Amino acid sequence: MKLVIASLLAVPVLALAQATTAAPAGEGARPAAPPAQAAPAAQPGTTPAAEPGTTPPAEPKAGAPAVADAKLGTAVVDREPEGVADSFKPDVGKVYCWTRVTGAEGTEITHVWYKGDEKMAEVKLAVKYPSMRTWSAKTVPADGTGDWRVDVIAADGTVLKSLAFKVE
């Protein structure tokens, strides 16, 4: 009985070993793809430079939510920001905060809009996928000139990114 079980277990292992062994070129096998090049590692103790008008995101923990990209613009078309800028005219109408977030599947992020230090709006956005683009918009009032910012906040309250802009 033990011999039969051992034989049954050995067959899939043997088949797997044969399936993963490359056949010599010219015998119907495709050449192996070259190994992927790894991105250069950041130097220990350094932080990537932040874009002007933004604060660098918090250092993400493994499996933690992170903002992979975020931009401010005048519209979102086909899930991509348009009219990207860090300064807008007072008659802009709406400013959009577009965010690509990773590691937050099944939770939510929040866009908190500020004019100066006054909270103007808070928009909760559900994150349904491992990597997802989402956005919110704020109508800029006629008297809305000044310094603005949008904080992107994880479900646990961590500020993932802060984007500053001016209405002038």
N, C-alpha and C. Protein backbone atom coordinates (compact mmCIF):
# COMPACT_ATOMS: atom_id res chain seq x y z
N MET A 1 0.83 -1.19 0.00
CA MET A 1 0.00 0.00 0.00
C MET A 1 0.87 1.25 0.00
N LYS A 2 1.94 1.28 0.84
CA LYS A 2 2.83 2.42 0.89
C LYS A 2 3.52 2.62 -0.45
N LEU A 3 3.84 1.55 -1.15
CA LEU A 3 4.51 1.64 -2.45
C LEU A 3 3.58 2.29 -3.46
N VAL A 4 2.30 1.99 -3.43
CA VAL A 4 1.34 2.57 -4.37
C VAL A 4 1.22 4.07 -4.14
N ILE A 5 1.12 4.51 -2.89
CA ILE A 5 1.02 5.93 -2.57
C ILE A 5 2.28 6.66 -2.98
N ALA A 6 3.43 6.09 -2.67
CA ALA A 6 4.70 6.70 -3.04
C ALA A 6 4.81 6.82 -4.56
N SER A 7 4.36 5.81 -5.28
CA SER A 7 4.40 5.85 -6.75
C SER A 7 3.49 6.94 -7.28
N LEU A 8 2.31 7.08 -6.70
CA LEU A 8 1.38 8.11 -7.15
C LEU A 8 1.92 9.51 -6.88
N LEU A 9 2.61 9.69 -5.77
CA LEU A 9 3.19 10.99 -5.45
C LEU A 9 4.38 11.29 -6.35
N ALA A 10 5.12 10.31 -6.75
CA ALA A 10 6.32 10.51 -7.57
C ALA A 10 5.97 10.90 -8.99
N VAL A 11 4.82 10.45 -9.52
CA VAL A 11 4.47 10.74 -10.91
C VAL A 11 4.32 12.24 -11.15
N PRO A 12 3.53 12.99 -10.33
CA PRO A 12 3.42 14.42 -10.59
C PRO A 12 4.76 15.15 -10.44
N VAL A 13 5.58 14.75 -9.49
CA VAL A 13 6.88 15.38 -9.31
C VAL A 13 7.75 15.15 -10.53
N LEU A 14 7.76 13.92 -11.05
CA LEU A 14 8.54 13.60 -12.23
C LEU A 14 8.01 14.38 -13.44
N ALA A 15 6.68 14.46 -13.59
CA ALA A 15 6.08 15.19 -14.70
C ALA A 15 6.42 16.67 -14.59
N LEU A 16 6.39 17.22 -13.39
CA LEU A 16 6.74 18.61 -13.19
C LEU A 16 8.20 18.85 -13.54
N ALA A 17 9.08 17.96 -13.14
CA ALA A 17 10.51 18.11 -13.45
C ALA A 17 10.72 18.07 -14.96
N GLN A 18 10.01 17.19 -15.66
CA GLN A 18 10.17 17.11 -17.11
C GLN A 18 9.58 18.34 -17.78
N ALA A 19 8.47 18.86 -17.27
CA ALA A 19 7.83 20.02 -17.88
C ALA A 19 8.67 21.27 -17.72
N THR A 20 9.45 21.38 -16.66
CA THR A 20 10.23 22.59 -16.44
C THR A 20 11.63 22.48 -17.02
N THR A 21 12.01 21.33 -17.56
CA THR A 21 13.32 21.18 -18.18
C THR A 21 13.24 21.70 -19.60
N ALA A 22 14.11 22.62 -19.95
CA ALA A 22 14.08 23.21 -21.29
C ALA A 22 14.61 22.22 -22.31
N ALA A 23 13.92 22.15 -23.44
CA ALA A 23 14.39 21.31 -24.54
C ALA A 23 15.47 22.08 -25.28
N PRO A 24 16.41 21.37 -25.91
CA PRO A 24 17.46 22.05 -26.67
C PRO A 24 16.83 22.88 -27.79
N ALA A 25 17.47 23.99 -28.13
CA ALA A 25 16.99 24.85 -29.20
C ALA A 25 16.87 24.03 -30.48
N GLY A 26 15.88 24.32 -31.28
CA GLY A 26 15.69 23.59 -32.53
C GLY A 26 14.77 22.39 -32.38
N GLU A 27 14.37 22.07 -31.16
CA GLU A 27 13.46 20.94 -30.95
C GLU A 27 12.09 21.43 -30.53
N GLY A 28 11.67 22.58 -31.05
CA GLY A 28 10.35 23.10 -30.75
C GLY A 28 10.29 23.90 -29.48
N ALA A 29 11.36 24.07 -28.79
CA ALA A 29 11.35 24.86 -27.56
C ALA A 29 11.62 26.31 -27.90
N ARG A 30 10.97 27.19 -27.17
CA ARG A 30 11.25 28.61 -27.35
C ARG A 30 12.45 28.97 -26.50
N PRO A 31 13.28 29.88 -26.97
CA PRO A 31 14.41 30.30 -26.14
C PRO A 31 13.90 30.97 -24.88
N ALA A 32 14.62 30.77 -23.82
CA ALA A 32 14.23 31.37 -22.54
C ALA A 32 14.35 32.88 -22.65
N ALA A 33 13.42 33.59 -22.00
CA ALA A 33 13.48 35.04 -21.98
C ALA A 33 14.64 35.47 -21.11
N PRO A 34 15.29 36.57 -21.47
CA PRO A 34 16.39 37.04 -20.64
C PRO A 34 15.85 37.43 -19.28
N PRO A 35 16.64 37.32 -18.24
CA PRO A 35 16.16 37.68 -16.91
C PRO A 35 15.81 39.16 -16.86
N ALA A 36 14.77 39.49 -16.11
CA ALA A 36 14.35 40.89 -15.97
C ALA A 36 15.42 41.66 -15.23
N GLN A 37 15.63 42.88 -15.67
CA GLN A 37 16.60 43.75 -15.01
C GLN A 37 15.92 44.39 -13.81
N ALA A 38 16.53 44.32 -12.68
CA ALA A 38 15.98 44.94 -11.49
C ALA A 38 16.26 46.44 -11.53
N ALA A 39 15.33 47.20 -11.00
CA ALA A 39 15.54 48.64 -10.92
C ALA A 39 16.66 48.91 -9.93
N PRO A 40 17.45 49.95 -10.19
CA PRO A 40 18.53 50.24 -9.26
C PRO A 40 17.96 50.56 -7.88
N ALA A 41 18.60 50.03 -6.88
CA ALA A 41 18.14 50.23 -5.51
C ALA A 41 18.50 51.63 -5.06
N ALA A 42 17.63 52.21 -4.25
CA ALA A 42 17.92 53.52 -3.68
C ALA A 42 19.06 53.37 -2.69
N GLN A 43 19.85 54.40 -2.59
CA GLN A 43 20.95 54.38 -1.64
C GLN A 43 20.37 54.43 -0.23
N PRO A 44 20.91 53.63 0.68
CA PRO A 44 20.40 53.67 2.06
C PRO A 44 20.50 55.08 2.62
N GLY A 45 19.43 55.47 3.35
CA GLY A 45 19.45 56.78 3.99
C GLY A 45 19.03 57.92 3.08
N THR A 46 18.65 57.64 1.81
CA THR A 46 18.23 58.71 0.93
C THR A 46 16.74 58.62 0.70
N THR A 47 16.15 59.76 0.37
CA THR A 47 14.73 59.83 0.07
C THR A 47 14.59 60.41 -1.32
N PRO A 48 13.73 59.82 -2.19
CA PRO A 48 13.56 60.40 -3.51
C PRO A 48 13.06 61.83 -3.40
N ALA A 49 13.47 62.67 -4.36
CA ALA A 49 13.05 64.06 -4.35
C ALA A 49 11.56 64.16 -4.64
N ALA A 50 10.91 65.05 -3.94
CA ALA A 50 9.48 65.27 -4.16
C ALA A 50 9.29 66.31 -5.25
N GLU A 51 8.16 66.23 -5.94
CA GLU A 51 7.84 67.23 -6.94
C GLU A 51 7.61 68.55 -6.22
N PRO A 52 7.89 69.68 -6.91
CA PRO A 52 7.64 70.98 -6.28
C PRO A 52 6.17 71.09 -5.88
N GLY A 53 5.92 71.67 -4.73
CA GLY A 53 4.55 71.87 -4.27
C GLY A 53 3.95 70.65 -3.59
N THR A 54 4.75 69.61 -3.37
CA THR A 54 4.23 68.42 -2.71
C THR A 54 5.14 68.04 -1.57
N THR A 55 4.61 67.27 -0.65
CA THR A 55 5.45 66.70 0.39
C THR A 55 5.67 65.25 0.03
N PRO A 56 6.83 64.71 0.33
CA PRO A 56 7.06 63.31 -0.01
C PRO A 56 6.11 62.42 0.77
N PRO A 57 5.68 61.31 0.16
CA PRO A 57 4.78 60.41 0.86
C PRO A 57 5.49 59.74 2.03
N ALA A 58 4.70 59.29 2.99
CA ALA A 58 5.25 58.54 4.11
C ALA A 58 5.90 57.27 3.56
N GLU A 59 6.97 56.83 4.18
CA GLU A 59 7.66 55.60 3.76
C GLU A 59 6.69 54.43 3.91
N PRO A 60 6.31 53.78 2.79
CA PRO A 60 5.32 52.71 2.89
C PRO A 60 5.88 51.46 3.56
N LYS A 61 5.04 50.82 4.36
CA LYS A 61 5.39 49.53 4.94
C LYS A 61 4.94 48.46 3.96
N ALA A 62 5.51 47.28 4.06
CA ALA A 62 5.11 46.19 3.17
C ALA A 62 3.62 45.94 3.32
N GLY A 63 2.90 45.95 2.21
CA GLY A 63 1.47 45.71 2.23
C GLY A 63 0.65 46.90 2.70
N ALA A 64 1.28 48.05 2.93
CA ALA A 64 0.57 49.23 3.40
C ALA A 64 0.12 50.08 2.21
N PRO A 65 -0.93 50.87 2.39
CA PRO A 65 -1.37 51.75 1.31
C PRO A 65 -0.28 52.76 0.95
N ALA A 66 -0.19 53.09 -0.32
CA ALA A 66 0.79 54.07 -0.78
C ALA A 66 0.22 54.80 -1.99
N VAL A 67 0.63 56.05 -2.15
CA VAL A 67 0.25 56.82 -3.32
C VAL A 67 1.37 56.65 -4.34
N ALA A 68 1.06 55.95 -5.43
CA ALA A 68 2.05 55.72 -6.48
C ALA A 68 2.21 56.96 -7.35
N ASP A 69 1.13 57.76 -7.47
CA ASP A 69 1.17 58.98 -8.27
C ASP A 69 -0.03 59.83 -7.87
N ALA A 70 0.12 61.13 -7.93
CA ALA A 70 -0.99 62.04 -7.64
C ALA A 70 -0.74 63.34 -8.38
N LYS A 71 -1.81 63.88 -8.97
CA LYS A 71 -1.70 65.12 -9.74
C LYS A 71 -2.95 65.95 -9.57
N LEU A 72 -2.78 67.25 -9.73
CA LEU A 72 -3.89 68.19 -9.72
C LEU A 72 -4.12 68.67 -11.14
N GLY A 73 -5.37 68.80 -11.54
CA GLY A 73 -5.65 69.24 -12.90
C GLY A 73 -7.04 69.83 -13.02
N THR A 74 -7.41 70.15 -14.27
CA THR A 74 -8.69 70.79 -14.54
C THR A 74 -9.75 69.80 -15.00
N ALA A 75 -9.38 68.55 -15.23
CA ALA A 75 -10.34 67.53 -15.65
C ALA A 75 -9.71 66.16 -15.50
N VAL A 76 -10.55 65.12 -15.56
CA VAL A 76 -10.10 63.74 -15.65
C VAL A 76 -10.84 63.14 -16.84
N VAL A 77 -10.05 62.66 -17.82
CA VAL A 77 -10.62 62.08 -19.03
C VAL A 77 -9.99 60.70 -19.22
N ASP A 78 -10.82 59.70 -19.43
CA ASP A 78 -10.35 58.31 -19.57
C ASP A 78 -9.46 57.91 -18.40
N ARG A 79 -9.86 58.28 -17.21
CA ARG A 79 -9.17 57.95 -15.94
C ARG A 79 -7.76 58.54 -15.85
N GLU A 80 -7.48 59.59 -16.63
CA GLU A 80 -6.18 60.26 -16.58
C GLU A 80 -6.40 61.76 -16.39
N PRO A 81 -5.53 62.43 -15.60
CA PRO A 81 -5.72 63.86 -15.35
C PRO A 81 -5.36 64.70 -16.59
N GLU A 82 -6.07 65.80 -16.77
CA GLU A 82 -5.77 66.76 -17.83
C GLU A 82 -5.61 68.14 -17.21
N GLY A 83 -4.91 69.03 -17.91
CA GLY A 83 -4.69 70.37 -17.41
C GLY A 83 -3.89 70.38 -16.12
N VAL A 84 -2.91 69.46 -16.03
CA VAL A 84 -2.12 69.30 -14.81
C VAL A 84 -1.32 70.57 -14.54
N ALA A 85 -1.41 71.08 -13.31
CA ALA A 85 -0.69 72.30 -12.92
C ALA A 85 -0.63 72.37 -11.40
N ASP A 86 0.12 73.35 -10.92
CA ASP A 86 0.14 73.61 -9.48
C ASP A 86 -0.33 75.04 -9.18
N SER A 87 -0.82 75.72 -10.23
CA SER A 87 -1.40 77.05 -10.09
C SER A 87 -2.57 77.17 -11.07
N PHE A 88 -3.67 77.73 -10.60
CA PHE A 88 -4.89 77.82 -11.41
C PHE A 88 -5.45 79.23 -11.33
N LYS A 89 -6.17 79.64 -12.38
CA LYS A 89 -6.85 80.94 -12.42
C LYS A 89 -8.09 80.88 -11.53
N PRO A 90 -8.54 82.03 -11.00
CA PRO A 90 -9.72 82.02 -10.13
C PRO A 90 -10.99 81.51 -10.82
N ASP A 91 -11.04 81.61 -12.16
CA ASP A 91 -12.22 81.14 -12.89
C ASP A 91 -12.08 79.69 -13.36
N VAL A 92 -11.21 78.92 -12.72
CA VAL A 92 -10.95 77.53 -13.13
C VAL A 92 -12.21 76.68 -13.05
N GLY A 93 -13.11 77.02 -12.17
CA GLY A 93 -14.31 76.19 -11.99
C GLY A 93 -14.03 75.10 -10.97
N LYS A 94 -13.49 73.99 -11.42
CA LYS A 94 -13.16 72.88 -10.52
C LYS A 94 -11.69 72.52 -10.66
N VAL A 95 -11.11 72.08 -9.55
CA VAL A 95 -9.77 71.49 -9.54
C VAL A 95 -9.96 70.04 -9.13
N TYR A 96 -9.30 69.14 -9.86
CA TYR A 96 -9.39 67.70 -9.61
C TYR A 96 -8.10 67.22 -8.95
N CYS A 97 -8.25 66.35 -7.98
CA CYS A 97 -7.11 65.65 -7.38
C CYS A 97 -7.20 64.20 -7.83
N TRP A 98 -6.28 63.80 -8.70
CA TRP A 98 -6.23 62.45 -9.27
C TRP A 98 -5.16 61.68 -8.51
N THR A 99 -5.48 60.48 -8.07
CA THR A 99 -4.57 59.69 -7.25
C THR A 99 -4.52 58.25 -7.74
N ARG A 100 -3.31 57.70 -7.87
CA ARG A 100 -3.15 56.26 -8.12
C ARG A 100 -2.61 55.68 -6.82
N VAL A 101 -3.41 54.80 -6.21
CA VAL A 101 -3.08 54.25 -4.91
C VAL A 101 -2.84 52.75 -5.03
N THR A 102 -1.90 52.23 -4.25
CA THR A 102 -1.62 50.80 -4.22
C THR A 102 -1.66 50.32 -2.77
N GLY A 103 -1.92 49.05 -2.60
CA GLY A 103 -1.86 48.44 -1.28
C GLY A 103 -3.02 48.79 -0.36
N ALA A 104 -4.12 49.34 -0.90
CA ALA A 104 -5.23 49.72 -0.04
C ALA A 104 -6.52 49.00 -0.43
N GLU A 105 -6.40 47.90 -1.15
CA GLU A 105 -7.57 47.16 -1.63
C GLU A 105 -8.50 46.82 -0.47
N GLY A 106 -9.79 47.08 -0.68
CA GLY A 106 -10.80 46.76 0.33
C GLY A 106 -10.93 47.81 1.42
N THR A 107 -10.23 48.93 1.28
CA THR A 107 -10.35 50.01 2.27
C THR A 107 -10.79 51.27 1.54
N GLU A 108 -10.46 52.39 2.10
CA GLU A 108 -10.76 53.66 1.44
C GLU A 108 -9.64 54.64 1.73
N ILE A 109 -9.56 55.64 0.85
CA ILE A 109 -8.68 56.78 1.11
C ILE A 109 -9.58 58.00 1.16
N THR A 110 -9.06 59.08 1.70
CA THR A 110 -9.84 60.31 1.80
C THR A 110 -9.02 61.45 1.22
N HIS A 111 -9.67 62.27 0.39
CA HIS A 111 -9.08 63.52 -0.08
C HIS A 111 -9.65 64.62 0.81
N VAL A 112 -8.77 65.32 1.52
CA VAL A 112 -9.21 66.43 2.36
C VAL A 112 -8.66 67.71 1.71
N TRP A 113 -9.58 68.60 1.32
CA TRP A 113 -9.26 69.84 0.62
C TRP A 113 -9.19 70.98 1.64
N TYR A 114 -8.09 71.76 1.57
CA TYR A 114 -7.90 72.90 2.47
C TYR A 114 -7.63 74.16 1.66
N LYS A 115 -8.19 75.28 2.12
CA LYS A 115 -7.78 76.60 1.63
C LYS A 115 -7.11 77.26 2.82
N GLY A 116 -5.81 77.46 2.70
CA GLY A 116 -5.04 77.88 3.87
C GLY A 116 -5.10 76.76 4.89
N ASP A 117 -5.55 77.08 6.09
CA ASP A 117 -5.69 76.05 7.13
C ASP A 117 -7.15 75.64 7.35
N GLU A 118 -8.06 76.17 6.53
CA GLU A 118 -9.48 75.87 6.68
C GLU A 118 -9.89 74.68 5.82
N LYS A 119 -10.46 73.67 6.48
CA LYS A 119 -10.94 72.50 5.73
C LYS A 119 -12.15 72.92 4.91
N MET A 120 -12.06 72.65 3.59
CA MET A 120 -13.13 73.03 2.67
C MET A 120 -14.00 71.84 2.27
N ALA A 121 -13.41 70.66 2.21
CA ALA A 121 -14.17 69.48 1.81
C ALA A 121 -13.40 68.23 2.22
N GLU A 122 -14.14 67.14 2.39
CA GLU A 122 -13.56 65.83 2.70
C GLU A 122 -14.32 64.81 1.86
N VAL A 123 -13.57 64.07 1.02
CA VAL A 123 -14.21 63.12 0.10
C VAL A 123 -13.62 61.73 0.34
N LYS A 124 -14.45 60.79 0.75
CA LYS A 124 -14.02 59.40 0.96
C LYS A 124 -14.14 58.66 -0.37
N LEU A 125 -13.11 57.89 -0.70
CA LEU A 125 -13.06 57.17 -1.97
C LEU A 125 -12.76 55.69 -1.70
N ALA A 126 -13.66 54.82 -2.11
CA ALA A 126 -13.46 53.38 -1.92
C ALA A 126 -12.36 52.88 -2.84
N VAL A 127 -11.51 52.00 -2.31
CA VAL A 127 -10.44 51.39 -3.09
C VAL A 127 -10.78 49.91 -3.22
N LYS A 128 -11.09 49.49 -4.45
CA LYS A 128 -11.56 48.13 -4.68
C LYS A 128 -10.50 47.20 -5.25
N TYR A 129 -9.39 47.75 -5.75
CA TYR A 129 -8.39 46.93 -6.46
C TYR A 129 -7.00 47.16 -5.88
N PRO A 130 -6.06 46.24 -6.13
CA PRO A 130 -4.70 46.39 -5.59
C PRO A 130 -4.00 47.66 -6.06
N SER A 131 -4.26 48.08 -7.30
CA SER A 131 -3.75 49.33 -7.82
C SER A 131 -4.92 50.02 -8.49
N MET A 132 -5.23 51.23 -8.04
CA MET A 132 -6.45 51.87 -8.52
C MET A 132 -6.26 53.37 -8.67
N ARG A 133 -6.84 53.91 -9.75
CA ARG A 133 -6.86 55.36 -9.96
C ARG A 133 -8.22 55.87 -9.49
N THR A 134 -8.19 56.94 -8.73
CA THR A 134 -9.43 57.54 -8.25
C THR A 134 -9.21 59.03 -8.14
N TRP A 135 -10.31 59.80 -8.03
CA TRP A 135 -10.16 61.24 -7.97
C TRP A 135 -11.37 61.88 -7.30
N SER A 136 -11.15 63.12 -6.88
CA SER A 136 -12.23 63.96 -6.38
C SER A 136 -12.02 65.34 -6.98
N ALA A 137 -13.04 66.19 -6.84
CA ALA A 137 -12.96 67.54 -7.39
C ALA A 137 -13.51 68.52 -6.37
N LYS A 138 -13.01 69.73 -6.44
CA LYS A 138 -13.51 70.81 -5.57
C LYS A 138 -13.81 72.01 -6.45
N THR A 139 -15.02 72.51 -6.33
CA THR A 139 -15.38 73.74 -7.04
C THR A 139 -14.71 74.89 -6.31
N VAL A 140 -13.96 75.70 -7.06
CA VAL A 140 -13.26 76.84 -6.49
C VAL A 140 -14.19 78.04 -6.54
N PRO A 141 -14.53 78.63 -5.39
CA PRO A 141 -15.42 79.79 -5.40
C PRO A 141 -14.73 81.01 -6.03
N ALA A 142 -15.52 81.99 -6.42
CA ALA A 142 -14.98 83.20 -7.06
C ALA A 142 -13.95 83.89 -6.17
N ASP A 143 -14.15 83.82 -4.87
CA ASP A 143 -13.19 84.46 -3.95
C ASP A 143 -12.18 83.43 -3.42
N GLY A 144 -11.89 82.42 -4.21
CA GLY A 144 -11.05 81.32 -3.76
C GLY A 144 -9.56 81.49 -3.98
N THR A 145 -9.09 82.72 -4.26
CA THR A 145 -7.66 82.90 -4.47
C THR A 145 -6.90 82.63 -3.18
N GLY A 146 -5.71 82.10 -3.33
CA GLY A 146 -4.86 81.82 -2.17
C GLY A 146 -4.20 80.47 -2.28
N ASP A 147 -3.62 80.03 -1.17
CA ASP A 147 -2.92 78.75 -1.10
C ASP A 147 -3.91 77.65 -0.72
N TRP A 148 -3.86 76.56 -1.45
CA TRP A 148 -4.70 75.40 -1.23
C TRP A 148 -3.83 74.17 -1.10
N ARG A 149 -4.42 73.10 -0.57
CA ARG A 149 -3.74 71.80 -0.57
C ARG A 149 -4.78 70.70 -0.47
N VAL A 150 -4.38 69.52 -0.92
CA VAL A 150 -5.20 68.32 -0.77
C VAL A 150 -4.35 67.29 -0.05
N ASP A 151 -4.82 66.78 1.07
CA ASP A 151 -4.14 65.69 1.77
C ASP A 151 -4.82 64.38 1.37
N VAL A 152 -4.01 63.40 1.00
CA VAL A 152 -4.51 62.06 0.70
C VAL A 152 -4.25 61.23 1.94
N ILE A 153 -5.33 60.74 2.55
CA ILE A 153 -5.23 60.09 3.85
C ILE A 153 -5.70 58.65 3.77
N ALA A 154 -4.93 57.74 4.35
CA ALA A 154 -5.28 56.32 4.41
C ALA A 154 -6.39 56.10 5.43
N ALA A 155 -6.98 54.93 5.40
CA ALA A 155 -8.07 54.58 6.32
C ALA A 155 -7.64 54.69 7.79
N ASP A 156 -6.36 54.47 8.07
CA ASP A 156 -5.88 54.55 9.45
C ASP A 156 -5.51 55.97 9.89
N GLY A 157 -5.72 56.97 9.00
CA GLY A 157 -5.44 58.36 9.34
C GLY A 157 -4.07 58.85 8.90
N THR A 158 -3.24 57.99 8.35
CA THR A 158 -1.91 58.38 7.90
C THR A 158 -2.02 59.26 6.66
N VAL A 159 -1.33 60.40 6.66
CA VAL A 159 -1.27 61.24 5.47
C VAL A 159 -0.28 60.60 4.50
N LEU A 160 -0.79 60.12 3.37
CA LEU A 160 0.04 59.45 2.38
C LEU A 160 0.73 60.45 1.46
N LYS A 161 0.07 61.56 1.18
CA LYS A 161 0.64 62.57 0.29
C LYS A 161 -0.13 63.86 0.50
N SER A 162 0.55 64.97 0.31
CA SER A 162 -0.06 66.28 0.39
C SER A 162 0.35 67.05 -0.87
N LEU A 163 -0.65 67.56 -1.59
CA LEU A 163 -0.40 68.30 -2.83
C LEU A 163 -0.83 69.75 -2.63
N ALA A 164 0.11 70.67 -2.78
CA ALA A 164 -0.17 72.09 -2.62
C ALA A 164 -0.40 72.72 -3.99
N PHE A 165 -1.31 73.71 -4.02
CA PHE A 165 -1.51 74.48 -5.25
C PHE A 165 -2.00 75.87 -4.89
N LYS A 166 -1.93 76.77 -5.88
CA LYS A 166 -2.36 78.15 -5.70
C LYS A 166 -3.49 78.46 -6.67
N VAL A 167 -4.38 79.30 -6.23
CA VAL A 167 -5.38 79.88 -7.10
C VAL A 167 -5.04 81.36 -7.13
N GLU A 168 -4.61 81.87 -8.30
CA GLU A 168 -4.16 83.27 -8.43
C GLU A 168 -4.55 83.89 -9.74
